[in-house]
Amino acid sequence: MPVYDYVCMDCHQPFEVVLTLTEHDKEAPKCPKCGSKNVEQEAAAFFAVTSRKS
């Protein structure tokens, strides 16, 4: 399952949430620190692992 990075716009606490694609499309999660739903998803870096060598 994908891990999504969020930041709370009220208390500025960054946090990660593991969600299925269906859960991610429903609604934003609550901040674990203050319980606010005023959160924004942050852009996250990622890399792909393949069996081919470049």
C-alpha atoms as a PDB file:
ATOM      1  CA  MET A   1       0.000   0.000   0.000  1.00  0.00           C
ATOM      2  CA  PRO A   2       1.187   3.525  -0.714  1.00  0.00           C
ATOM      3  CA  VAL A   3       2.492   5.812   2.023  1.00  0.00           C
ATOM      4  CA  TYR A   4       1.290   9.417   1.776  1.00  0.00           C
ATOM      5  CA  ASP A   5       3.028  12.419   3.351  1.00  0.00           C
ATOM      6  CA  TYR A   6       0.853  15.157   4.839  1.00  0.00           C
ATOM      7  CA  VAL A   7       1.409  18.323   6.826  1.00  0.00           C
ATOM      8  CA  CYS A   8      -1.138  19.846   9.204  1.00  0.00           C
ATOM      9  CA  MET A   9      -1.892  23.441   8.322  1.00  0.00           C
ATOM     10  CA  ASP A  10      -2.969  24.225  11.913  1.00  0.00           C
ATOM     11  CA  CYS A  11      -0.060  22.855  13.989  1.00  0.00           C
ATOM     12  CA  HIS A  12       2.443  22.384  11.105  1.00  0.00           C
ATOM     13  CA  GLN A  13       3.137  18.772  12.101  1.00  0.00           C
ATOM     14  CA  PRO A  14       4.296  16.543   9.214  1.00  0.00           C
ATOM     15  CA  PHE A  15       3.038  12.948   9.264  1.00  0.00           C
ATOM     16  CA  GLU A  16       2.741   9.840   7.100  1.00  0.00           C
ATOM     17  CA  VAL A  17      -0.346   7.735   6.468  1.00  0.00           C
ATOM     18  CA  VAL A  18      -0.591   4.312   4.806  1.00  0.00           C
ATOM     19  CA  LEU A  19      -3.776   4.254   2.720  1.00  0.00           C
ATOM     20  CA  THR A  20      -5.253   2.221  -0.083  1.00  0.00           C
ATOM     21  CA  LEU A  21      -6.067   4.168  -3.241  1.00  0.00           C
ATOM     22  CA  THR A  22      -9.769   4.009  -2.370  1.00  0.00           C
ATOM     23  CA  GLU A  23      -9.173   5.403   1.139  1.00  0.00           C
ATOM     24  CA  HIS A  24      -6.944   8.157  -0.257  1.00  0.00           C
ATOM     25  CA  ASP A  25      -9.679   9.301  -2.655  1.00  0.00           C
ATOM     26  CA  LYS A  26     -12.396   9.507   0.036  1.00  0.00           C
ATOM     27  CA  GLU A  27     -11.185  12.267   2.373  1.00  0.00           C
ATOM     28  CA  ALA A  28      -8.098  13.747   4.003  1.00  0.00           C
ATOM     29  CA  PRO A  29      -6.881  12.087   7.216  1.00  0.00           C
ATOM     30  CA  LYS A  30      -6.821  13.739  10.637  1.00  0.00           C
ATOM     31  CA  CYS A  31      -3.615  15.143  12.116  1.00  0.00           C
ATOM     32  CA  PRO A  32      -2.354  12.689  14.771  1.00  0.00           C
ATOM     33  CA  LYS A  33      -1.096  15.577  16.940  1.00  0.00           C
ATOM     34  CA  CYS A  34      -4.064  17.985  17.074  1.00  0.00           C
ATOM     35  CA  GLY A  35      -6.877  16.075  15.320  1.00  0.00           C
ATOM     36  CA  SER A  36      -7.422  18.753  12.658  1.00  0.00           C
ATOM     37  CA  LYS A  37      -8.640  17.815   9.189  1.00  0.00           C
ATOM     38  CA  ASN A  38      -6.978  20.944   7.757  1.00  0.00           C
ATOM     39  CA  VAL A  39      -4.126  18.962   6.174  1.00  0.00           C
ATOM     40  CA  GLU A  40      -2.392  19.091   2.807  1.00  0.00           C
ATOM     41  CA  GLN A  41      -0.607  16.323   0.995  1.00  0.00           C
ATOM     42  CA  GLU A  42       3.076  16.995   0.397  1.00  0.00           C
ATOM     43  CA  ALA A  43       4.913  16.037  -2.759  1.00  0.00           C
ATOM     44  CA  ALA A  44       7.141  13.070  -1.994  1.00  0.00           C
ATOM     45  CA  ALA A  45      10.226  11.832  -3.774  1.00  0.00           C
ATOM     46  CA  PHE A  46      10.228   8.236  -4.909  1.00  0.00           C
ATOM     47  CA  PHE A  47      12.309   5.877  -6.980  1.00  0.00           C
ATOM     48  CA  ALA A  48      11.537   2.796  -8.995  1.00  0.00           C
ATOM     49  CA  VAL A  49      13.464  -0.437  -8.644  1.00  0.00           C
ATOM     50  CA  THR A  50      13.773  -2.452 -11.818  1.00  0.00           C
ATOM     51  CA  SER A  51      15.714  -5.525 -12.788  1.00  0.00           C
ATOM     52  CA  ARG A  52      17.350  -3.790 -15.771  1.00  0.00           C
ATOM     53  CA  LYS A  53      20.675  -2.031 -15.433  1.00  0.00           C
ATOM     54  CA  SER A  54      21.026   1.440 -16.923  1.00  0.00           C
END
